[in-house]
Amino acid sequence: MIRSSAGTSAHTSTGAWRDALVAALAGFLVMAAVAAAGLACAGAGDLPEGAFPRVLAAVVVMAAGGAVEGSADAGPLAGADVSLSVMPLSVSLAGALTTGFLFLRPLRGRAVAVPRELALRAARLTVLWLLLLLATALLARQDFGLFPGDSPLGDLGELLGGSAPTVGFRADLPATLLFGLLWILGLLLITLLVSRRAPLPASLVRFHAAVRPAAHATAVLLVGYVVLGLAVGLVTAAARGHAARTLAVLLLGLPNLAWPALTVGFGGAWQGHVEGPFGLPVPQVLDEVLRGSEPSTVDVASLAEHDPRAWWLVPVAAVLLLATGVLAAVRSPAHVRTWQHALHLAVALALATLTVCLLARVEVRFGLSLLGIGDTAGLGGSAELTSQLWRTTGLALLWGAVAGLLGALLSRPLRRRRGERTPSSP
């Protein structure tokens, strides 16, 4: 009996490690595939020195929560400043959906989960995820010559005894592992919160009614906005041309645009600026609002000054938020009261908005000066976009409460009919 139990335990452990490896590896492969397609559409296949695989690795690292630093070497007679802080959320979302689905798949069909088993499965996946992230981060480093050797600036650098300026990137390994750990742990927590059928430990089952319906409905709202943005992007690519550039934005940063559009629709605001020859791959109306040396406020009013169609963001957000409230109420047990629906959805939407505000921020800066005389050949610029956190999160809390209240009232006939079809418990 002892040998049989030991053999069964070893077989179970081997199967659990296999499940974790499949989930982690599939997540990275999906992220790499989406990122490669996006970079190819953006023209990164023509990068010099065979840099495409290293640029791909950098994008995957950023998508998995890692940190990639810009680097520059302009020689003793020049100065350079490079910084990069952006997360390609299309790549992140693809990896998160894949990994989360495969993490929950072995747990299907159970009513409750043993806490120790759940913790061990999460620990195995976390370890393998960090190992794959470390291997990818070691590949994510590259330097490029900023000017060709026969250009005037390259000749000037050689004449003055300096080398031609170079710019590049490399992964910050300690920060990548730290933020990658937070990313995978956050993903596993969110996966357990939003899944309606994933088993929970017996001590946490009582929180199912308070947390999961609202969390699930909010997740559906965010994914729905991405699907809506994808449809709009594909129509734009087909109707207005620039298909490759539009597809690159969709494959790399669609949620970076879709989720802020949700927050702007319910009254939230962002601020930022774009200056210099570099800009953000965003719709023209947003670029016009951001263009300038002073920070600009991005809300529905400022967008509508450049394009009146921006007002459509308001009714779209209102309708989809109301649908979210109805979905959360329909999925909730019958004993949940109306004010509890409002409270649950308010908290869920506020936390989701806070996460969006932190993940969708963009900060890119590049500057080069020679002999202290400022930017060379216009090769200096910056792009920044951050949320007005308190305003946006506060309005999300308010809209979530209203949507939860109205959703509970509108869903009463549906919940009543569902209750009549469900046999009463003995």
Protein backbone atom coordinates (compact mmCIF):
# COMPACT_ATOMS: atom_id res chain seq x y z
CA MET A 1 0.00 0.00 0.00
CA ILE A 2 2.85 2.40 0.81
CA ARG A 3 4.50 1.78 -2.55
CA SER A 4 1.19 2.21 -4.35
CA SER A 5 0.50 5.53 -2.61
CA ALA A 6 4.00 6.76 -3.34
CA GLY A 7 3.67 5.78 -6.99
CA THR A 8 0.32 7.52 -7.27
CA SER A 9 1.73 10.67 -5.65
CA ALA A 10 4.71 10.72 -8.02
CA HIS A 11 2.44 10.22 -11.02
CA THR A 12 0.17 13.07 -9.83
CA SER A 13 3.17 15.35 -9.31
CA THR A 14 4.53 14.54 -12.77
CA GLY A 15 1.15 15.27 -14.32
CA ALA A 16 0.89 18.57 -12.45
CA TRP A 17 4.35 19.66 -13.68
CA ARG A 18 3.33 18.69 -17.22
CA ASP A 19 0.15 20.76 -16.95
CA ALA A 20 2.14 23.75 -15.67
CA LEU A 21 4.71 23.44 -18.45
CA VAL A 22 2.01 23.27 -21.12
CA ALA A 23 0.27 26.36 -19.71
CA ALA A 24 3.47 28.42 -19.43
CA LEU A 25 4.94 27.35 -22.76
CA ALA A 26 1.66 27.84 -24.64
CA GLY A 27 1.31 31.32 -23.16
CA PHE A 28 4.77 32.34 -24.34
CA LEU A 29 4.30 30.79 -27.78
CA VAL A 30 1.01 32.62 -28.31
CA MET A 31 2.55 35.91 -27.19
CA ALA A 32 5.51 35.36 -29.50
CA ALA A 33 3.21 34.56 -32.45
CA VAL A 34 1.02 37.65 -31.93
CA ALA A 35 4.05 39.90 -31.39
CA ALA A 36 5.84 38.50 -34.46
CA ALA A 37 2.79 39.15 -36.64
CA GLY A 38 2.47 42.69 -35.29
CA LEU A 39 6.15 43.48 -35.77
CA ALA A 40 6.09 42.05 -39.29
CA CYS A 41 3.15 44.32 -40.17
CA ALA A 42 5.10 47.25 -38.68
CA GLY A 43 8.07 46.51 -40.96
CA ALA A 44 10.40 45.17 -38.30
CA GLY A 45 11.44 42.35 -40.61
CA ASP A 46 13.73 44.81 -42.38
CA LEU A 47 15.73 45.67 -39.26
CA PRO A 48 19.51 45.54 -39.78
CA GLU A 49 21.90 43.04 -38.24
CA GLY A 50 19.24 40.32 -37.97
CA ALA A 51 17.70 42.11 -34.99
CA PHE A 52 14.14 40.85 -35.47
CA PRO A 53 14.37 37.93 -32.97
CA ARG A 54 15.83 40.21 -30.30
CA VAL A 55 13.19 42.88 -30.86
CA LEU A 56 10.56 40.13 -30.69
CA ALA A 57 12.01 38.94 -27.40
CA ALA A 58 11.88 42.49 -26.02
CA VAL A 59 8.20 42.83 -26.95
CA VAL A 60 7.36 39.51 -25.28
CA VAL A 61 9.28 40.56 -22.16
CA MET A 62 7.34 43.82 -21.95
CA ALA A 63 4.06 41.99 -22.56
CA ALA A 64 4.82 39.62 -19.68
CA GLY A 65 5.37 42.50 -17.29
CA GLY A 66 9.13 42.77 -17.71
CA ALA A 67 11.20 45.92 -17.99
CA VAL A 68 13.19 46.87 -21.10
CA GLU A 69 15.60 49.78 -20.82
CA GLY A 70 16.73 52.01 -23.65
CA SER A 71 20.47 52.48 -24.00
CA ALA A 72 22.54 55.00 -25.94
CA ASP A 73 26.23 55.58 -26.50
CA ALA A 74 26.98 58.86 -28.23
CA GLY A 75 30.67 59.10 -27.41
CA PRO A 76 32.52 61.66 -25.25
CA LEU A 77 31.38 64.69 -27.28
CA ALA A 78 27.67 63.91 -27.39
CA GLY A 79 24.87 63.10 -25.03
CA ALA A 80 21.90 60.83 -25.42
CA ASP A 81 18.86 60.01 -23.33
CA VAL A 82 16.54 57.09 -24.04
CA SER A 83 13.66 55.80 -21.92
CA LEU A 84 10.85 53.39 -22.75
CA SER A 85 7.84 52.40 -20.66
CA VAL A 86 4.96 50.78 -22.53
CA MET A 87 3.17 47.42 -22.40
CA PRO A 88 1.88 45.88 -25.67
CA LEU A 89 -1.46 44.82 -24.23
CA SER A 90 -2.65 42.85 -27.28
CA VAL A 91 0.27 40.49 -26.74
CA SER A 92 -0.34 40.46 -22.97
CA LEU A 93 -4.04 39.66 -23.38
CA ALA A 94 -3.36 36.79 -25.78
CA GLY A 95 -0.87 35.23 -23.40
CA ALA A 96 -3.09 35.79 -20.37
CA LEU A 97 -6.16 34.17 -21.94
CA THR A 98 -4.14 31.16 -23.09
CA THR A 99 -2.30 30.61 -19.81
CA GLY A 100 -5.36 31.20 -17.65
CA PHE A 101 -7.47 28.75 -19.66
CA LEU A 102 -4.84 26.01 -19.51
CA PHE A 103 -4.25 26.61 -15.79
CA LEU A 104 -7.93 25.98 -15.03
CA ARG A 105 -8.44 23.10 -17.45
CA PRO A 106 -7.16 20.30 -15.14
CA LEU A 107 -9.46 21.60 -12.36
CA ARG A 108 -12.69 21.30 -14.32
CA GLY A 109 -15.49 19.18 -12.94
CA ARG A 110 -14.68 19.77 -9.28
CA ALA A 111 -16.96 21.43 -6.76
CA VAL A 112 -14.15 22.57 -4.45
CA ALA A 113 -10.36 22.56 -4.60
CA VAL A 114 -7.90 21.51 -1.94
CA PRO A 115 -5.94 24.64 -0.94
CA ARG A 116 -2.61 22.82 -0.93
CA GLU A 117 -3.12 21.44 -4.44
CA LEU A 118 -4.22 24.84 -5.76
CA ALA A 119 -1.18 26.52 -4.21
CA LEU A 120 1.20 23.89 -5.60
CA ARG A 121 -0.25 24.19 -9.09
CA ALA A 122 0.14 27.97 -8.94
CA ALA A 123 3.71 27.63 -7.61
CA ARG A 124 4.74 25.22 -10.38
CA LEU A 125 3.33 27.48 -13.08
CA THR A 126 5.00 30.54 -11.52
CA VAL A 127 8.42 28.88 -11.42
CA LEU A 128 8.25 27.71 -15.03
CA TRP A 129 6.89 31.07 -16.16
CA LEU A 130 9.79 32.94 -14.56
CA LEU A 131 12.32 30.55 -16.11
CA LEU A 132 10.87 31.13 -19.58
CA LEU A 133 10.78 34.87 -18.92
CA LEU A 134 14.42 34.85 -17.85
CA ALA A 135 15.46 32.99 -21.01
CA THR A 136 13.52 35.46 -23.15
CA ALA A 137 14.98 38.45 -21.30
CA LEU A 138 18.54 37.23 -21.92
CA LEU A 139 17.82 37.38 -25.65
CA ALA A 140 16.25 40.85 -25.48
CA ARG A 141 19.28 43.08 -26.12
CA GLN A 142 20.44 44.87 -29.25
CA ASP A 143 22.38 47.99 -30.33
CA PHE A 144 21.90 49.87 -33.58
CA GLY A 145 24.15 52.41 -35.26
CA LEU A 146 22.18 55.65 -35.33
CA PHE A 147 23.93 57.09 -38.39
CA PRO A 148 25.64 55.26 -41.25
CA GLY A 149 29.39 55.61 -41.45
CA ASP A 150 29.30 57.80 -44.56
CA SER A 151 26.79 60.31 -43.16
CA PRO A 152 27.98 63.81 -42.18
CA LEU A 153 27.35 63.14 -38.49
CA GLY A 154 29.15 59.82 -38.66
CA ASP A 155 32.13 61.47 -40.39
CA LEU A 156 32.12 64.25 -37.78
CA GLY A 157 32.17 61.74 -34.97
CA GLU A 158 35.18 59.96 -36.49
CA LEU A 159 36.97 63.28 -37.14
CA LEU A 160 36.59 64.33 -33.51
CA GLY A 161 37.86 61.00 -32.30
CA GLY A 162 34.53 59.58 -31.21
CA SER A 163 32.48 56.68 -32.47
CA ALA A 164 29.20 56.99 -34.31
CA PRO A 165 26.23 57.22 -31.93
CA THR A 166 24.40 54.01 -31.15
CA VAL A 167 21.03 53.37 -29.59
CA GLY A 168 19.62 50.11 -28.34
CA PHE A 169 17.72 48.27 -25.66
CA ARG A 170 18.26 45.55 -23.12
CA ALA A 171 16.10 43.83 -20.54
CA ASP A 172 16.57 44.78 -16.90
CA LEU A 173 16.79 41.28 -15.42
CA PRO A 174 16.03 41.99 -11.72
CA ALA A 175 13.09 44.28 -12.55
CA THR A 176 11.86 41.84 -15.20
CA LEU A 177 11.77 38.93 -12.76
CA LEU A 178 10.09 41.03 -10.05
CA PHE A 179 7.40 42.49 -12.29
CA GLY A 180 7.04 39.19 -14.11
CA LEU A 181 6.32 37.52 -10.75
CA LEU A 182 3.65 40.12 -9.99
CA TRP A 183 2.22 39.66 -13.51
CA ILE A 184 1.79 35.89 -13.29
CA LEU A 185 0.46 35.98 -9.71
CA GLY A 186 -2.01 38.69 -10.68
CA LEU A 187 -3.08 36.66 -13.70
CA LEU A 188 -3.75 33.55 -11.59
CA LEU A 189 -5.72 35.57 -9.03
CA ILE A 190 -7.83 37.25 -11.72
CA THR A 191 -8.38 33.91 -13.45
CA LEU A 192 -9.82 32.41 -10.27
CA LEU A 193 -11.96 35.50 -9.67
CA VAL A 194 -13.54 35.78 -13.12
CA SER A 195 -14.06 32.08 -13.87
CA ARG A 196 -17.57 31.01 -12.94
CA ARG A 197 -16.78 27.29 -12.79
CA ALA A 198 -13.25 27.11 -11.37
CA PRO A 199 -13.27 25.35 -7.99
CA LEU A 200 -12.37 27.31 -4.86
CA PRO A 201 -11.23 26.07 -1.46
CA ALA A 202 -14.19 25.23 0.75
CA SER A 203 -13.43 28.16 3.08
CA LEU A 204 -13.77 30.62 0.17
CA VAL A 205 -16.90 29.23 -1.49
CA ARG A 206 -19.08 31.64 0.51
CA PHE A 207 -17.45 34.57 -1.32
CA HIS A 208 -18.52 33.21 -4.70
CA ALA A 209 -21.77 35.20 -4.81
CA ALA A 210 -20.11 38.45 -3.75
CA VAL A 211 -17.12 38.37 -6.08
CA ARG A 212 -17.41 36.18 -9.14
CA PRO A 213 -20.55 37.42 -10.96
CA ALA A 214 -19.39 41.04 -10.95
CA ALA A 215 -15.78 40.11 -11.72
CA HIS A 216 -16.86 37.85 -14.59
CA ALA A 217 -19.15 40.52 -16.07
CA THR A 218 -16.40 43.14 -15.85
CA ALA A 219 -13.96 40.83 -17.61
CA VAL A 220 -16.54 40.25 -20.35
CA LEU A 221 -16.89 44.05 -20.67
CA LEU A 222 -13.14 44.53 -21.17
CA VAL A 223 -12.86 41.70 -23.69
CA GLY A 224 -15.97 43.01 -25.44
CA TYR A 225 -14.36 46.41 -25.86
CA VAL A 226 -11.32 44.75 -27.43
CA VAL A 227 -13.55 42.81 -29.85
CA LEU A 228 -15.42 46.03 -30.71
CA GLY A 229 -12.12 47.83 -31.28
CA LEU A 230 -10.93 44.97 -33.48
CA ALA A 231 -14.04 45.28 -35.67
CA VAL A 232 -13.59 49.05 -35.97
CA GLY A 233 -9.91 48.62 -36.80
CA LEU A 234 -10.54 46.04 -39.50
CA VAL A 235 -13.20 48.21 -41.12
CA THR A 236 -10.83 51.19 -40.99
CA ALA A 237 -8.02 49.15 -42.54
CA ALA A 238 -10.27 48.00 -45.36
CA ALA A 239 -11.84 51.41 -46.04
CA ARG A 240 -8.98 53.87 -45.60
CA GLY A 241 -5.88 51.93 -46.56
CA HIS A 242 -2.69 51.70 -44.50
CA ALA A 243 -3.71 48.12 -43.75
CA ALA A 244 -0.27 46.98 -42.57
CA ARG A 245 0.10 49.85 -40.10
CA THR A 246 -3.43 49.37 -38.77
CA LEU A 247 -2.91 45.63 -38.34
CA ALA A 248 0.34 46.32 -36.47
CA VAL A 249 -1.55 48.50 -33.98
CA LEU A 250 -4.29 45.88 -33.59
CA LEU A 251 -1.82 43.06 -32.99
CA LEU A 252 0.42 44.97 -30.60
CA GLY A 253 -1.63 47.57 -28.76
CA LEU A 254 -5.38 47.29 -29.35
CA PRO A 255 -6.33 47.23 -25.62
CA ASN A 256 -4.03 50.25 -25.13
CA LEU A 257 -6.64 52.15 -27.18
CA ALA A 258 -9.88 50.24 -26.47
CA TRP A 259 -9.72 50.30 -22.68
CA PRO A 260 -8.90 54.02 -22.37
CA ALA A 261 -11.80 54.59 -24.79
CA LEU A 262 -14.06 52.90 -22.25
CA THR A 263 -12.82 55.17 -19.45
CA VAL A 264 -13.18 58.28 -21.63
CA GLY A 265 -16.72 57.19 -22.52
CA PHE A 266 -17.88 57.20 -18.89
CA GLY A 267 -16.22 60.56 -18.18
CA GLY A 268 -12.65 59.64 -17.27
CA ALA A 269 -9.65 61.56 -18.55
CA TRP A 270 -6.06 61.00 -19.56
CA GLN A 271 -3.27 63.48 -20.06
CA GLY A 272 -0.09 63.53 -22.10
CA HIS A 273 1.75 65.03 -25.00
CA VAL A 274 3.59 64.11 -28.17
CA GLU A 275 6.44 66.20 -29.54
CA GLY A 276 9.18 65.72 -32.06
CA PRO A 277 9.22 63.45 -35.10
CA PHE A 278 8.14 60.45 -33.05
CA GLY A 279 4.58 59.84 -32.06
CA LEU A 280 2.18 57.23 -30.84
CA PRO A 281 0.56 54.76 -33.28
CA VAL A 282 -2.88 56.11 -32.42
CA PRO A 283 -5.90 57.47 -34.31
CA GLN A 284 -5.31 60.87 -35.86
CA VAL A 285 -7.76 62.65 -33.55
CA LEU A 286 -5.85 61.48 -30.47
CA ASP A 287 -2.52 62.49 -31.98
CA GLU A 288 -3.91 65.97 -32.70
CA VAL A 289 -5.02 66.38 -29.09
CA LEU A 290 -1.67 65.23 -27.71
CA ARG A 291 0.59 67.05 -30.15
CA GLY A 292 2.49 69.88 -28.44
CA SER A 293 5.04 70.59 -25.75
CA GLU A 294 2.49 71.11 -22.96
CA PRO A 295 0.48 68.22 -21.47
CA SER A 296 -3.03 68.04 -22.90
CA THR A 297 -6.14 66.58 -21.31
CA VAL A 298 -7.73 63.73 -23.24
CA ASP A 299 -11.43 63.40 -22.54
CA VAL A 300 -14.53 63.16 -24.67
CA ALA A 301 -14.85 66.95 -24.94
CA SER A 302 -11.27 67.53 -26.14
CA LEU A 303 -11.57 64.68 -28.64
CA ALA A 304 -14.91 66.00 -29.92
CA GLU A 305 -13.30 69.40 -30.65
CA HIS A 306 -11.28 67.66 -33.36
CA ASP A 307 -13.83 65.01 -34.37
CA PRO A 308 -17.51 65.24 -33.25
CA ARG A 309 -17.88 61.47 -33.66
CA ALA A 310 -16.02 61.12 -30.35
CA TRP A 311 -19.35 61.79 -28.59
CA TRP A 312 -20.39 58.27 -29.63
CA LEU A 313 -18.04 56.97 -26.93
CA VAL A 314 -20.57 58.07 -24.30
CA PRO A 315 -23.66 56.11 -25.43
CA VAL A 316 -21.53 53.08 -26.31
CA ALA A 317 -20.06 53.05 -22.79
CA ALA A 318 -23.49 53.57 -21.21
CA VAL A 319 -25.12 50.71 -23.13
CA LEU A 320 -22.28 48.26 -22.52
CA LEU A 321 -22.04 49.16 -18.83
CA LEU A 322 -25.78 48.57 -18.45
CA ALA A 323 -25.41 45.21 -20.20
CA THR A 324 -22.60 44.43 -17.77
CA GLY A 325 -24.90 45.19 -14.83
CA VAL A 326 -27.60 42.90 -16.24
CA LEU A 327 -25.10 40.09 -16.84
CA ALA A 328 -23.71 40.36 -13.31
CA ALA A 329 -27.21 40.31 -11.81
CA VAL A 330 -28.36 37.33 -13.90
CA ARG A 331 -25.29 35.34 -12.85
CA SER A 332 -25.77 36.16 -9.16
CA PRO A 333 -27.73 33.95 -6.74
CA ALA A 334 -31.34 34.96 -6.07
CA HIS A 335 -30.64 35.98 -2.46
CA VAL A 336 -28.30 38.84 -3.46
CA ARG A 337 -30.06 42.15 -2.83
CA THR A 338 -30.25 45.09 -5.19
CA TRP A 339 -27.88 47.31 -3.20
CA GLN A 340 -25.39 44.44 -3.08
CA HIS A 341 -25.44 44.18 -6.88
CA ALA A 342 -24.60 47.89 -7.05
CA LEU A 343 -21.79 47.57 -4.51
CA HIS A 344 -20.24 44.48 -6.10
CA LEU A 345 -20.16 45.93 -9.62
CA ALA A 346 -18.93 49.32 -8.38
CA VAL A 347 -15.93 47.72 -6.70
CA ALA A 348 -15.24 45.39 -9.64
CA LEU A 349 -15.35 48.19 -12.22
CA ALA A 350 -13.23 50.53 -10.07
CA LEU A 351 -10.53 47.87 -9.60
CA ALA A 352 -10.59 47.00 -13.30
CA THR A 353 -10.28 50.69 -14.21
CA LEU A 354 -7.39 51.14 -11.80
CA THR A 355 -5.63 48.19 -13.46
CA VAL A 356 -6.25 49.62 -16.92
CA CYS A 357 -4.89 53.02 -15.87
CA LEU A 358 -1.69 51.43 -14.58
CA LEU A 359 -1.15 49.07 -17.53
CA ALA A 360 -2.07 51.35 -20.45
CA ARG A 361 0.25 54.24 -19.54
CA VAL A 362 2.89 55.15 -22.14
CA GLU A 363 6.16 57.01 -21.69
CA VAL A 364 8.77 57.19 -24.46
CA ARG A 365 11.62 59.68 -24.59
CA PHE A 366 14.61 60.02 -26.90
CA GLY A 367 17.12 62.83 -27.18
CA LEU A 368 20.53 63.25 -28.83
CA SER A 369 22.81 66.28 -28.62
CA LEU A 370 26.24 66.92 -30.14
CA LEU A 371 28.75 69.31 -28.53
CA GLY A 372 25.95 70.49 -26.23
CA ILE A 373 23.98 72.24 -28.98
CA GLY A 374 20.68 70.42 -28.51
CA ASP A 375 18.83 67.84 -30.54
CA THR A 376 20.66 66.68 -33.64
CA ALA A 377 18.81 66.59 -36.95
CA GLY A 378 15.49 66.62 -35.14
CA LEU A 379 16.26 63.25 -33.53
CA GLY A 380 14.65 64.14 -30.25
CA GLY A 381 11.13 63.69 -29.06
CA SER A 382 8.86 62.27 -26.44
CA ALA A 383 5.44 60.71 -26.13
CA GLU A 384 3.53 60.35 -22.89
CA LEU A 385 0.02 59.26 -21.96
CA THR A 386 -1.12 58.70 -18.37
CA SER A 387 -4.51 58.66 -16.69
CA GLN A 388 -5.99 61.16 -14.29
CA LEU A 389 -6.26 58.38 -11.76
CA TRP A 390 -8.62 59.78 -9.13
CA ARG A 391 -11.12 61.21 -11.59
CA THR A 392 -11.22 58.09 -13.76
CA THR A 393 -11.37 55.57 -10.92
CA GLY A 394 -13.93 57.61 -8.99
CA LEU A 395 -16.25 57.80 -11.98
CA ALA A 396 -15.81 54.07 -12.55
CA LEU A 397 -16.99 53.48 -8.99
CA LEU A 398 -20.05 55.67 -9.60
CA TRP A 399 -20.89 54.16 -12.99
CA GLY A 400 -20.45 50.66 -11.60
CA ALA A 401 -22.92 51.38 -8.81
CA VAL A 402 -25.50 52.82 -11.22
CA ALA A 403 -25.05 49.98 -13.72
CA GLY A 404 -25.30 47.39 -10.95
CA LEU A 405 -28.46 48.97 -9.57
CA LEU A 406 -30.19 49.28 -12.94
CA GLY A 407 -28.97 45.85 -14.01
CA ALA A 408 -30.48 44.27 -10.90
CA LEU A 409 -33.83 45.99 -11.54
CA LEU A 410 -33.94 45.09 -15.23
CA SER A 411 -32.92 41.48 -14.64
CA ARG A 412 -35.64 40.67 -12.09
CA PRO A 413 -37.95 38.97 -14.64
CA LEU A 414 -35.05 36.89 -15.95
CA ARG A 415 -33.96 35.85 -12.47
CA ARG A 416 -37.56 35.07 -11.48
CA ARG A 417 -38.06 32.78 -14.48
CA ARG A 418 -34.72 31.13 -13.83
CA GLY A 419 -35.73 30.53 -10.22
CA GLU A 420 -39.00 28.95 -11.31
CA ARG A 421 -37.14 26.52 -13.62
CA THR A 422 -34.64 25.57 -10.90
CA PRO A 423 -35.92 22.86 -8.51
CA SER A 424 -35.80 23.94 -4.89
CA SER A 425 -33.13 22.43 -2.67
CA PRO A 426 -34.33 19.97 0.02
